[in-house]
Amino acid sequence: YPYSVIENVPFEMKGRWRDEYFHNQNPIVLELGC
């Protein structure tokens, strides 16, 4: 989702990463600038 995409298309999985991608309720850790 580079700028040209996210500016026009909302990210539908916001707030639902555990349910819709990971399929668990475990903690989420981000690495920014990975």
Full PDB file with SEQRES, HELIX, SHEET, SSBOND, CRYST1, ORIGX, SCALE, CONECT and MASTER records, all heavy atoms in Angstrom:
SEQRES   1 A   34  TYR PRO TYR SER VAL ILE GLU ASN VAL PRO PHE GLU MET          
SEQRES   2 A   34  LYS GLY ARG TRP ARG ASP GLU TYR PHE HIS ASN GLN ASN          
SEQRES   3 A   34  PRO ILE VAL LEU GLU LEU GLY CYS                              
HELIX    1 AA1 TYR A    3  ILE A    6  1                                   4    
HELIX    2 AA2 TRP A   17  TRP A   17  1                                   1    
HELIX    3 AA3 ARG A   18  PHE A   22  3                                   5    
CRYST1    1.000    1.000    1.000  90.00  90.00  90.00 P 1           1          
ORIGX1      1.000000  0.000000  0.000000        0.00000                         
ORIGX2      0.000000  1.000000  0.000000        0.00000                         
ORIGX3      0.000000  0.000000  1.000000        0.00000                         
SCALE1      1.000000  0.000000  0.000000        0.00000                         
SCALE2      0.000000  1.000000  0.000000        0.00000                         
SCALE3      0.000000  0.000000  1.000000        0.00000                         
ATOM      1  N   TYR A   1       0.833  -1.199   0.000  1.00  0.00           N  
ATOM      2  CA  TYR A   1       0.000   0.000   0.000  1.00  0.00           C  
ATOM      3  C   TYR A   1       0.871   1.253   0.000  1.00  0.00           C  
ATOM      4  O   TYR A   1       0.914   1.991   0.981  1.00  0.00           O  
ATOM      5  CB  TYR A   1      -0.921   0.024   1.225  1.00  0.00           C  
ATOM      6  CG  TYR A   1      -2.136  -0.856   1.096  1.00  0.00           C  
ATOM      7  CD1 TYR A   1      -2.028  -2.234   1.309  1.00  0.00           C  
ATOM      8  CD2 TYR A   1      -3.368  -0.332   0.750  1.00  0.00           C  
ATOM      9  CE1 TYR A   1      -3.144  -3.058   1.181  1.00  0.00           C  
ATOM     10  CE2 TYR A   1      -4.480  -1.145   0.628  1.00  0.00           C  
ATOM     11  CZ  TYR A   1      -4.359  -2.506   0.845  1.00  0.00           C  
ATOM     12  OH  TYR A   1      -5.468  -3.310   0.712  1.00  0.00           O  
ATOM     13  N   PRO A   2       1.586   1.513  -1.079  1.00  0.00           N  
ATOM     14  CA  PRO A   2       2.330   2.772  -1.159  1.00  0.00           C  
ATOM     15  C   PRO A   2       1.368   3.952  -1.168  1.00  0.00           C  
ATOM     16  O   PRO A   2       0.149   3.779  -1.306  1.00  0.00           O  
ATOM     17  CB  PRO A   2       3.095   2.658  -2.480  1.00  0.00           C  
ATOM     18  CG  PRO A   2       2.315   1.676  -3.285  1.00  0.00           C  
ATOM     19  CD  PRO A   2       1.722   0.711  -2.295  1.00  0.00           C  
ATOM     20  N   TYR A   3       1.922   5.156  -1.043  1.00  0.00           N  
ATOM     21  CA  TYR A   3       1.095   6.361  -0.892  1.00  0.00           C  
ATOM     22  C   TYR A   3       0.004   6.464  -1.959  1.00  0.00           C  
ATOM     23  O   TYR A   3      -1.143   6.788  -1.658  1.00  0.00           O  
ATOM     24  CB  TYR A   3       1.981   7.603  -0.938  1.00  0.00           C  
ATOM     25  CG  TYR A   3       1.210   8.892  -0.877  1.00  0.00           C  
ATOM     26  CD1 TYR A   3       0.678   9.330   0.335  1.00  0.00           C  
ATOM     27  CD2 TYR A   3       0.984   9.653  -2.015  1.00  0.00           C  
ATOM     28  CE1 TYR A   3      -0.058  10.504   0.398  1.00  0.00           C  
ATOM     29  CE2 TYR A   3       0.254  10.827  -1.957  1.00  0.00           C  
ATOM     30  CZ  TYR A   3      -0.257  11.248  -0.748  1.00  0.00           C  
ATOM     31  OH  TYR A   3      -0.985  12.406  -0.694  1.00  0.00           O  
ATOM     32  N   SER A   4       0.361   6.165  -3.196  1.00  0.00           N  
ATOM     33  CA  SER A   4      -0.599   6.321  -4.295  1.00  0.00           C  
ATOM     34  C   SER A   4      -1.814   5.422  -4.127  1.00  0.00           C  
ATOM     35  O   SER A   4      -2.887   5.700  -4.664  1.00  0.00           O  
ATOM     36  CB  SER A   4       0.086   6.014  -5.630  1.00  0.00           C  
ATOM     37  OG  SER A   4       0.605   4.693  -5.629  1.00  0.00           O  
ATOM     38  N   VAL A   5      -1.659   4.338  -3.350  1.00  0.00           N  
ATOM     39  CA  VAL A   5      -2.775   3.415  -3.143  1.00  0.00           C  
ATOM     40  C   VAL A   5      -3.542   3.769  -1.881  1.00  0.00           C  
ATOM     41  O   VAL A   5      -4.763   3.930  -1.894  1.00  0.00           O  
ATOM     42  CB  VAL A   5      -2.264   1.956  -3.065  1.00  0.00           C  
ATOM     43  CG1 VAL A   5      -3.414   1.010  -2.727  1.00  0.00           C  
ATOM     44  CG2 VAL A   5      -1.614   1.563  -4.379  1.00  0.00           C  
ATOM     45  N   ILE A   6      -2.819   3.898  -0.759  1.00  0.00           N  
ATOM     46  CA  ILE A   6      -3.496   4.103   0.522  1.00  0.00           C  
ATOM     47  C   ILE A   6      -4.249   5.413   0.564  1.00  0.00           C  
ATOM     48  O   ILE A   6      -5.237   5.569   1.283  1.00  0.00           O  
ATOM     49  CB  ILE A   6      -2.484   4.025   1.691  1.00  0.00           C  
ATOM     50  CG1 ILE A   6      -3.200   3.976   3.039  1.00  0.00           C  
ATOM     51  CG2 ILE A   6      -1.517   5.194   1.651  1.00  0.00           C  
ATOM     52  CD1 ILE A   6      -4.123   2.789   3.211  1.00  0.00           C  
ATOM     53  N   GLU A   7      -3.841   6.394  -0.229  1.00  0.00           N  
ATOM     54  CA  GLU A   7      -4.535   7.682  -0.249  1.00  0.00           C  
ATOM     55  C   GLU A   7      -5.960   7.532  -0.781  1.00  0.00           C  
ATOM     56  O   GLU A   7      -6.859   8.285  -0.411  1.00  0.00           O  
ATOM     57  CB  GLU A   7      -3.760   8.669  -1.123  1.00  0.00           C  
ATOM     58  CG  GLU A   7      -4.296  10.094  -1.079  1.00  0.00           C  
ATOM     59  CD  GLU A   7      -4.114  10.794   0.250  1.00  0.00           C  
ATOM     60  OE1 GLU A   7      -3.445  10.221   1.140  1.00  0.00           O  
ATOM     61  OE2 GLU A   7      -4.643  11.899   0.408  1.00  0.00           O  
ATOM     62  N   ASN A   8      -6.180   6.530  -1.619  1.00  0.00           N  
ATOM     63  CA  ASN A   8      -7.486   6.370  -2.263  1.00  0.00           C  
ATOM     64  C   ASN A   8      -8.237   5.115  -1.838  1.00  0.00           C  
ATOM     65  O   ASN A   8      -9.444   5.010  -2.067  1.00  0.00           O  
ATOM     66  CB  ASN A   8      -7.306   6.348  -3.785  1.00  0.00           C  
ATOM     67  CG  ASN A   8      -6.678   7.634  -4.305  1.00  0.00           C  
ATOM     68  OD1 ASN A   8      -7.197   8.706  -4.072  1.00  0.00           O  
ATOM     69  ND2 ASN A   8      -5.553   7.514  -4.994  1.00  0.00           N  
ATOM     70  N   VAL A   9      -7.522   4.160  -1.241  1.00  0.00           N  
ATOM     71  CA  VAL A   9      -8.147   2.888  -0.882  1.00  0.00           C  
ATOM     72  C   VAL A   9      -7.967   2.630   0.612  1.00  0.00           C  
ATOM     73  O   VAL A   9      -6.833   2.473   1.081  1.00  0.00           O  
ATOM     74  CB  VAL A   9      -7.531   1.720  -1.693  1.00  0.00           C  
ATOM     75  CG1 VAL A   9      -8.212   0.407  -1.315  1.00  0.00           C  
ATOM     76  CG2 VAL A   9      -7.652   1.976  -3.181  1.00  0.00           C  
ATOM     77  N   PRO A  10      -9.017   2.586   1.397  1.00  0.00           N  
ATOM     78  CA  PRO A  10      -8.868   2.312   2.834  1.00  0.00           C  
ATOM     79  C   PRO A  10      -8.381   0.886   3.068  1.00  0.00           C  
ATOM     80  O   PRO A  10      -8.671  -0.016   2.277  1.00  0.00           O  
ATOM     81  CB  PRO A  10     -10.287   2.511   3.379  1.00  0.00           C  
ATOM     82  CG  PRO A  10     -11.186   2.290   2.202  1.00  0.00           C  
ATOM     83  CD  PRO A  10     -10.421   2.769   1.002  1.00  0.00           C  
ATOM     84  N   PHE A  11      -7.639   0.702   4.149  1.00  0.00           N  
ATOM     85  CA  PHE A  11      -7.116  -0.627   4.484  1.00  0.00           C  
ATOM     86  C   PHE A  11      -8.167  -1.358   5.314  1.00  0.00           C  
ATOM     87  O   PHE A  11      -8.357  -1.073   6.493  1.00  0.00           O  
ATOM     88  CB  PHE A  11      -5.799  -0.494   5.242  1.00  0.00           C  
ATOM     89  CG  PHE A  11      -5.105  -1.812   5.467  1.00  0.00           C  
ATOM     90  CD1 PHE A  11      -4.572  -2.525   4.403  1.00  0.00           C  
ATOM     91  CD2 PHE A  11      -4.974  -2.329   6.744  1.00  0.00           C  
ATOM     92  CE1 PHE A  11      -3.931  -3.730   4.608  1.00  0.00           C  
ATOM     93  CE2 PHE A  11      -4.325  -3.536   6.957  1.00  0.00           C  
ATOM     94  CZ  PHE A  11      -3.801  -4.238   5.885  1.00  0.00           C  
ATOM     95  N   GLU A  12      -8.830  -2.291   4.711  1.00  0.00           N  
ATOM     96  CA  GLU A  12     -10.000  -2.923   5.333  1.00  0.00           C  
ATOM     97  C   GLU A  12      -9.647  -3.836   6.500  1.00  0.00           C  
ATOM     98  O   GLU A  12     -10.514  -4.175   7.303  1.00  0.00           O  
ATOM     99  CB  GLU A  12     -10.795  -3.697   4.279  1.00  0.00           C  
ATOM    100  CG  GLU A  12     -11.400  -2.785   3.210  1.00  0.00           C  
ATOM    101  CD  GLU A  12     -12.235  -3.548   2.206  1.00  0.00           C  
ATOM    102  OE1 GLU A  12     -12.240  -4.796   2.268  1.00  0.00           O  
ATOM    103  OE2 GLU A  12     -12.878  -2.893   1.356  1.00  0.00           O  
ATOM    104  N   MET A  13      -8.370  -4.234   6.607  1.00  0.00           N  
ATOM    105  CA  MET A  13      -7.987  -5.133   7.694  1.00  0.00           C  
ATOM    106  C   MET A  13      -7.557  -4.365   8.948  1.00  0.00           C  
ATOM    107  O   MET A  13      -7.172  -4.968   9.941  1.00  0.00           O  
ATOM    108  CB  MET A  13      -6.863  -6.064   7.221  1.00  0.00           C  
ATOM    109  CG  MET A  13      -6.785  -7.367   8.001  1.00  0.00           C  
ATOM    110  SD  MET A  13      -5.845  -8.655   7.137  1.00  0.00           S  
ATOM    111  CE  MET A  13      -4.234  -7.872   6.947  1.00  0.00           C  
ATOM    112  N   LYS A  14      -7.602  -3.043   8.918  1.00  0.00           N  
ATOM    113  CA  LYS A  14      -7.242  -2.230  10.081  1.00  0.00           C  
ATOM    114  C   LYS A  14      -8.064  -2.658  11.286  1.00  0.00           C  
ATOM    115  O   LYS A  14      -9.297  -2.725  11.232  1.00  0.00           O  
ATOM    116  CB  LYS A  14      -7.498  -0.753   9.775  1.00  0.00           C  
ATOM    117  CG  LYS A  14      -7.196   0.177  10.952  1.00  0.00           C  
ATOM    118  CD  LYS A  14      -7.453   1.633  10.586  1.00  0.00           C  
ATOM    119  CE  LYS A  14      -7.177   2.552  11.763  1.00  0.00           C  
ATOM    120  NZ  LYS A  14      -7.366   3.984  11.418  1.00  0.00           N  
ATOM    121  N   GLY A  15      -7.372  -2.986  12.377  1.00  0.00           N  
ATOM    122  CA  GLY A  15      -8.045  -3.428  13.595  1.00  0.00           C  
ATOM    123  C   GLY A  15      -8.428  -4.895  13.585  1.00  0.00           C  
ATOM    124  O   GLY A  15      -8.951  -5.404  14.586  1.00  0.00           O  
ATOM    125  N   ARG A  16      -8.146  -5.612  12.480  1.00  0.00           N  
ATOM    126  CA  ARG A  16      -8.577  -7.014  12.377  1.00  0.00           C  
ATOM    127  C   ARG A  16      -7.452  -7.935  11.901  1.00  0.00           C  
ATOM    128  O   ARG A  16      -7.714  -8.992  11.313  1.00  0.00           O  
ATOM    129  CB  ARG A  16      -9.781  -7.116  11.442  1.00  0.00           C  
ATOM    130  CG  ARG A  16     -10.987  -6.316  11.906  1.00  0.00           C  
ATOM    131  CD  ARG A  16     -12.249  -6.719  11.165  1.00  0.00           C  
ATOM    132  NE  ARG A  16     -12.193  -6.304   9.778  1.00  0.00           N  
ATOM    133  CZ  ARG A  16     -12.628  -5.133   9.327  1.00  0.00           C  
ATOM    134  NH1 ARG A  16     -13.144  -4.262  10.160  1.00  0.00           N  
ATOM    135  NH2 ARG A  16     -12.565  -4.826   8.041  1.00  0.00           N  
ATOM    136  N   TRP A  17      -6.206  -7.525  12.134  1.00  0.00           N  
ATOM    137  CA  TRP A  17      -5.076  -8.365  11.713  1.00  0.00           C  
ATOM    138  C   TRP A  17      -5.131  -9.754  12.357  1.00  0.00           C  
ATOM    139  O   TRP A  17      -4.867 -10.763  11.698  1.00  0.00           O  
ATOM    140  CB  TRP A  17      -3.758  -7.696  12.082  1.00  0.00           C  
ATOM    141  CG  TRP A  17      -3.311  -6.604  11.166  1.00  0.00           C  
ATOM    142  CD1 TRP A  17      -3.647  -5.282  11.236  1.00  0.00           C  
ATOM    143  CD2 TRP A  17      -2.435  -6.724  10.034  1.00  0.00           C  
ATOM    144  NE1 TRP A  17      -3.036  -4.578  10.226  1.00  0.00           N  
ATOM    145  CE2 TRP A  17      -2.286  -5.431   9.479  1.00  0.00           C  
ATOM    146  CE3 TRP A  17      -1.761  -7.792   9.453  1.00  0.00           C  
ATOM    147  CZ2 TRP A  17      -1.481  -5.183   8.361  1.00  0.00           C  
ATOM    148  CZ3 TRP A  17      -0.965  -7.552   8.333  1.00  0.00           C  
ATOM    149  CH2 TRP A  17      -0.828  -6.270   7.798  1.00  0.00           C  
ATOM    150  N   ARG A  18      -5.467  -9.818  13.634  1.00  0.00           N  
ATOM    151  CA  ARG A  18      -5.476 -11.118  14.318  1.00  0.00           C  
ATOM    152  C   ARG A  18      -6.541 -12.037  13.735  1.00  0.00           C  
ATOM    153  O   ARG A  18      -6.289 -13.221  13.492  1.00  0.00           O  
ATOM    154  CB  ARG A  18      -5.702 -10.928  15.820  1.00  0.00           C  
ATOM    155  CG  ARG A  18      -4.543 -10.286  16.565  1.00  0.00           C  
ATOM    156  CD  ARG A  18      -4.852 -10.197  18.056  1.00  0.00           C  
ATOM    157  NE  ARG A  18      -3.768  -9.592  18.790  1.00  0.00           N  
ATOM    158  CZ  ARG A  18      -3.622  -8.277  18.975  1.00  0.00           C  
ATOM    159  NH1 ARG A  18      -4.519  -7.439  18.444  1.00  0.00           N  
ATOM    160  NH2 ARG A  18      -2.610  -7.803  19.659  1.00  0.00           N  
ATOM    161  N   ASP A  19      -7.715 -11.501  13.521  1.00  0.00           N  
ATOM    162  CA  ASP A  19      -8.828 -12.337  13.042  1.00  0.00           C  
ATOM    163  C   ASP A  19      -8.674 -12.715  11.580  1.00  0.00           C  
ATOM    164  O   ASP A  19      -8.914 -13.871  11.199  1.00  0.00           O  
ATOM    165  CB  ASP A  19     -10.157 -11.599  13.243  1.00  0.00           C  
ATOM    166  CG  ASP A  19     -10.500 -11.429  14.710  1.00  0.00           C  
ATOM    167  OD1 ASP A  19     -10.034 -12.240  15.527  1.00  0.00           O  
ATOM    168  OD2 ASP A  19     -11.232 -10.468  15.035  1.00  0.00           O  
ATOM    169  N   GLU A  20      -8.249 -11.776  10.743  1.00  0.00           N  
ATOM    170  CA  GLU A  20      -8.306 -11.998   9.307  1.00  0.00           C  
ATOM    171  C   GLU A  20      -7.002 -12.474   8.681  1.00  0.00           C  
ATOM    172  O   GLU A  20      -7.029 -13.059   7.593  1.00  0.00           O  
ATOM    173  CB  GLU A  20      -8.786 -10.714   8.613  1.00  0.00           C  
ATOM    174  CG  GLU A  20     -10.196 -10.328   9.016  1.00  0.00           C  
ATOM    175  CD  GLU A  20     -10.739  -9.172   8.208  1.00  0.00           C  
ATOM    176  OE1 GLU A  20     -10.118  -8.800   7.189  1.00  0.00           O  
ATOM    177  OE2 GLU A  20     -11.790  -8.618   8.606  1.00  0.00           O  
ATOM    178  N   TYR A  21      -5.878 -12.246   9.355  1.00  0.00           N  
ATOM    179  CA  TYR A  21      -4.620 -12.729   8.778  1.00  0.00           C  
ATOM    180  C   TYR A  21      -3.962 -13.786   9.658  1.00  0.00           C  
ATOM    181  O   TYR A  21      -3.683 -14.898   9.206  1.00  0.00           O  
ATOM    182  CB  TYR A  21      -3.627 -11.584   8.536  1.00  0.00           C  
ATOM    183  CG  TYR A  21      -2.308 -12.117   7.996  1.00  0.00           C  
ATOM    184  CD1 TYR A  21      -2.211 -12.514   6.657  1.00  0.00           C  
ATOM    185  CD2 TYR A  21      -1.198 -12.297   8.817  1.00  0.00           C  
ATOM    186  CE1 TYR A  21      -1.036 -13.053   6.157  1.00  0.00           C  
ATOM    187  CE2 TYR A  21      -0.022 -12.836   8.323  1.00  0.00           C  
ATOM    188  CZ  TYR A  21       0.058 -13.219   6.994  1.00  0.00           C  
ATOM    189  OH  TYR A  21       1.214 -13.767   6.507  1.00  0.00           O  
ATOM    190  N   PHE A  22      -3.699 -13.469  10.919  1.00  0.00           N  
ATOM    191  CA  PHE A  22      -2.962 -14.408  11.772  1.00  0.00           C  
ATOM    192  C   PHE A  22      -3.849 -15.532  12.312  1.00  0.00           C  
ATOM    193  O   PHE A  22      -3.351 -16.605  12.663  1.00  0.00           O  
ATOM    194  CB  PHE A  22      -2.315 -13.655  12.935  1.00  0.00           C  
ATOM    195  CG  PHE A  22      -1.214 -12.725  12.511  1.00  0.00           C  
ATOM    196  CD1 PHE A  22      -1.353 -11.348  12.616  1.00  0.00           C  
ATOM    197  CD2 PHE A  22      -0.028 -13.224  11.992  1.00  0.00           C  
ATOM    198  CE1 PHE A  22      -0.335 -10.489  12.218  1.00  0.00           C  
ATOM    199  CE2 PHE A  22       1.004 -12.373  11.592  1.00  0.00           C  
ATOM    200  CZ  PHE A  22       0.835 -10.998  11.703  1.00  0.00           C  
ATOM    201  N   HIS A  23      -5.144 -15.281  12.422  1.00  0.00           N  
ATOM    202  CA  HIS A  23      -6.102 -16.274  12.927  1.00  0.00           C  
ATOM    203  C   HIS A  23      -5.731 -16.755  14.326  1.00  0.00           C  
ATOM    204  O   HIS A  23      -5.775 -17.948  14.648  1.00  0.00           O  
ATOM    205  CB  HIS A  23      -6.204 -17.467  11.959  1.00  0.00           C  
ATOM    206  CG  HIS A  23      -6.538 -17.044  10.562  1.00  0.00           C  
ATOM    207  ND1 HIS A  23      -7.739 -16.455  10.221  1.00  0.00           N  
ATOM    208  CD2 HIS A  23      -5.810 -17.127   9.410  1.00  0.00           C  
ATOM    209  CE1 HIS A  23      -7.749 -16.186   8.928  1.00  0.00           C  
ATOM    210  NE2 HIS A  23      -6.590 -16.570   8.403  1.00  0.00           N  
ATOM    211  N   ASN A  24      -5.337 -15.811  15.159  1.00  0.00           N  
ATOM    212  CA  ASN A  24      -5.092 -16.071  16.572  1.00  0.00           C  
ATOM    213  C   ASN A  24      -5.232 -14.751  17.317  1.00  0.00           C  
ATOM    214  O   ASN A  24      -5.440 -13.707  16.700  1.00  0.00           O  
ATOM    215  CB  ASN A  24      -3.704 -16.706  16.800  1.00  0.00           C  
ATOM    216  CG  ASN A  24      -2.568 -15.796  16.340  1.00  0.00           C  
ATOM    217  OD1 ASN A  24      -2.495 -14.618  16.703  1.00  0.00           O  
ATOM    218  ND2 ASN A  24      -1.654 -16.343  15.533  1.00  0.00           N  
ATOM    219  N   GLN A  25      -5.107 -14.799  18.628  1.00  0.00           N  
ATOM    220  CA  GLN A  25      -5.220 -13.583  19.450  1.00  0.00           C  
ATOM    221  C   GLN A  25      -3.889 -13.240  20.118  1.00  0.00           C  
ATOM    222  O   GLN A  25      -3.857 -12.609  21.172  1.00  0.00           O  
ATOM    223  CB  GLN A  25      -6.326 -13.766  20.496  1.00  0.00           C  
ATOM    224  CG  GLN A  25      -7.715 -13.914  19.902  1.00  0.00           C  
ATOM    225  CD  GLN A  25      -8.092 -12.742  19.000  1.00  0.00           C  
ATOM    226  OE1 GLN A  25      -8.017 -11.582  19.422  1.00  0.00           O  
ATOM    227  NE2 GLN A  25      -8.482 -13.020  17.761  1.00  0.00           N  
ATOM    228  N   ASN A  26      -2.796 -13.642  19.492  1.00  0.00           N  
ATOM    229  CA  ASN A  26      -1.468 -13.379  20.051  1.00  0.00           C  
ATOM    230  C   ASN A  26      -1.073 -11.917  19.884  1.00  0.00           C  
ATOM    231  O   ASN A  26      -1.611 -11.213  19.026  1.00  0.00           O  
ATOM    232  CB  ASN A  26      -0.435 -14.276  19.364  1.00  0.00           C  
ATOM    233  CG  ASN A  26      -0.669 -15.750  19.644  1.00  0.00           C  
ATOM    234  OD1 ASN A  26      -1.265 -16.103  20.663  1.00  0.00           O  
ATOM    235  ND2 ASN A  26      -0.230 -16.606  18.743  1.00  0.00           N  
ATOM    236  N   PRO A  27      -0.116 -11.431  20.692  1.00  0.00           N  
ATOM    237  CA  PRO A  27       0.358 -10.043  20.570  1.00  0.00           C  
ATOM    238  C   PRO A  27       0.929  -9.781  19.181  1.00  0.00           C  
ATOM    239  O   PRO A  27       1.401 -10.695  18.495  1.00  0.00           O  
ATOM    240  CB  PRO A  27       1.456  -9.953  21.641  1.00  0.00           C  
ATOM    241  CG  PRO A  27       1.175 -11.066  22.592  1.00  0.00           C  
ATOM    242  CD  PRO A  27       0.557 -12.163  21.777  1.00  0.00           C  
ATOM    243  N   ILE A  28       0.890  -8.510  18.779  1.00  0.00           N  
ATOM    244  CA  ILE A  28       1.450  -8.079  17.504  1.00  0.00           C  
ATOM    245  C   ILE A  28       2.615  -7.130  17.752  1.00  0.00           C  
ATOM    246  O   ILE A  28       2.510  -6.194  18.550  1.00  0.00           O  
ATOM    247  CB  ILE A  28       0.383  -7.389  16.626  1.00  0.00           C  
ATOM    248  CG1 ILE A  28      -0.683  -8.396  16.177  1.00  0.00           C  
ATOM    249  CG2 ILE A  28       1.030  -6.721  15.408  1.00  0.00           C  
ATOM    250  CD1 ILE A  28      -1.811  -7.796  15.368  1.00  0.00           C  
ATOM    251  N   VAL A  29       3.728  -7.387  17.084  1.00  0.00           N  
ATOM    252  CA  VAL A  29       4.933  -6.570  17.193  1.00  0.00           C  
ATOM    253  C   VAL A  29       5.298  -6.069  15.801  1.00  0.00           C  
ATOM    254  O   VAL A  29       5.325  -6.847  14.842  1.00  0.00           O  
ATOM    255  CB  VAL A  29       6.106  -7.377  17.784  1.00  0.00           C  
ATOM    256  CG1 VAL A  29       7.384  -6.538  17.816  1.00  0.00           C  
ATOM    257  CG2 VAL A  29       5.757  -7.872  19.188  1.00  0.00           C  
ATOM    258  N   LEU A  30       5.577  -4.768  15.679  1.00  0.00           N  
ATOM    259  CA  LEU A  30       5.965  -4.178  14.396  1.00  0.00           C  
ATOM    260  C   LEU A  30       7.464  -3.907  14.366  1.00  0.00           C  
ATOM    261  O   LEU A  30       8.052  -3.500  15.370  1.00  0.00           O  
ATOM    262  CB  LEU A  30       5.252  -2.845  14.164  1.00  0.00           C  
ATOM    263  CG  LEU A  30       3.733  -2.795  14.187  1.00  0.00           C  
ATOM    264  CD1 LEU A  30       3.273  -1.398  13.774  1.00  0.00           C  
ATOM    265  CD2 LEU A  30       3.125  -3.851  13.297  1.00  0.00           C  
ATOM    266  N   GLU A  31       8.077  -4.127  13.197  1.00  0.00           N  
ATOM    267  CA  GLU A  31       9.415  -3.610  12.928  1.00  0.00           C  
ATOM    268  C   GLU A  31       9.258  -2.545  11.848  1.00  0.00           C  
ATOM    269  O   GLU A  31       8.898  -2.858  10.713  1.00  0.00           O  
ATOM    270  CB  GLU A  31      10.381  -4.695  12.455  1.00  0.00           C  
ATOM    271  CG  GLU A  31      11.791  -4.122  12.249  1.00  0.00           C  
ATOM    272  CD  GLU A  31      12.743  -5.062  11.528  1.00  0.00           C  
ATOM    273  OE1 GLU A  31      12.316  -6.153  11.090  1.00  0.00           O  
ATOM    274  OE2 GLU A  31      13.918  -4.689  11.380  1.00  0.00           O  
ATOM    275  N   LEU A  32       9.520  -1.296  12.210  1.00  0.00           N  
ATOM    276  CA  LEU A  32       9.354  -0.184  11.274  1.00  0.00           C  
ATOM    277  C   LEU A  32      10.690   0.140  10.620  1.00  0.00           C  
ATOM    278  O   LEU A  32      11.680   0.390  11.299  1.00  0.00           O  
ATOM    279  CB  LEU A  32       8.813   1.042  12.016  1.00  0.00           C  
ATOM    280  CG  LEU A  32       7.467   0.845  12.728  1.00  0.00           C  
ATOM    281  CD1 LEU A  32       7.014   2.142  13.376  1.00  0.00           C  
ATOM    282  CD2 LEU A  32       6.408   0.328  11.765  1.00  0.00           C  
ATOM    283  N   GLY A  33      10.673   0.150   9.275  1.00  0.00           N  
ATOM    284  CA  GLY A  33      11.925   0.272   8.541  1.00  0.00           C  
ATOM    285  C   GLY A  33      12.660  -1.052   8.570  1.00  0.00           C  
ATOM    286  O   GLY A  33      13.820  -1.140   8.928  1.00  0.00           O  
ATOM    287  N   CYS A  34      11.972  -2.110   8.166  1.00  0.00           N  
ATOM    288  CA  CYS A  34      12.474  -3.475   8.372  1.00  0.00           C  
ATOM    289  C   CYS A  34      13.549  -3.888   7.382  1.00  0.00           C  
ATOM    290  O   CYS A  34      14.184  -4.935   7.563  1.00  0.00           O  
ATOM    291  CB  CYS A  34      11.318  -4.478   8.330  1.00  0.00           C  
ATOM    292  SG  CYS A  34      10.554  -4.664   6.695  1.00  0.00           S  
TER     293      CYS A  34                                                      
MASTER        0    0    0    3    0    0    0    6  292    1    0    3          
END                                                                             
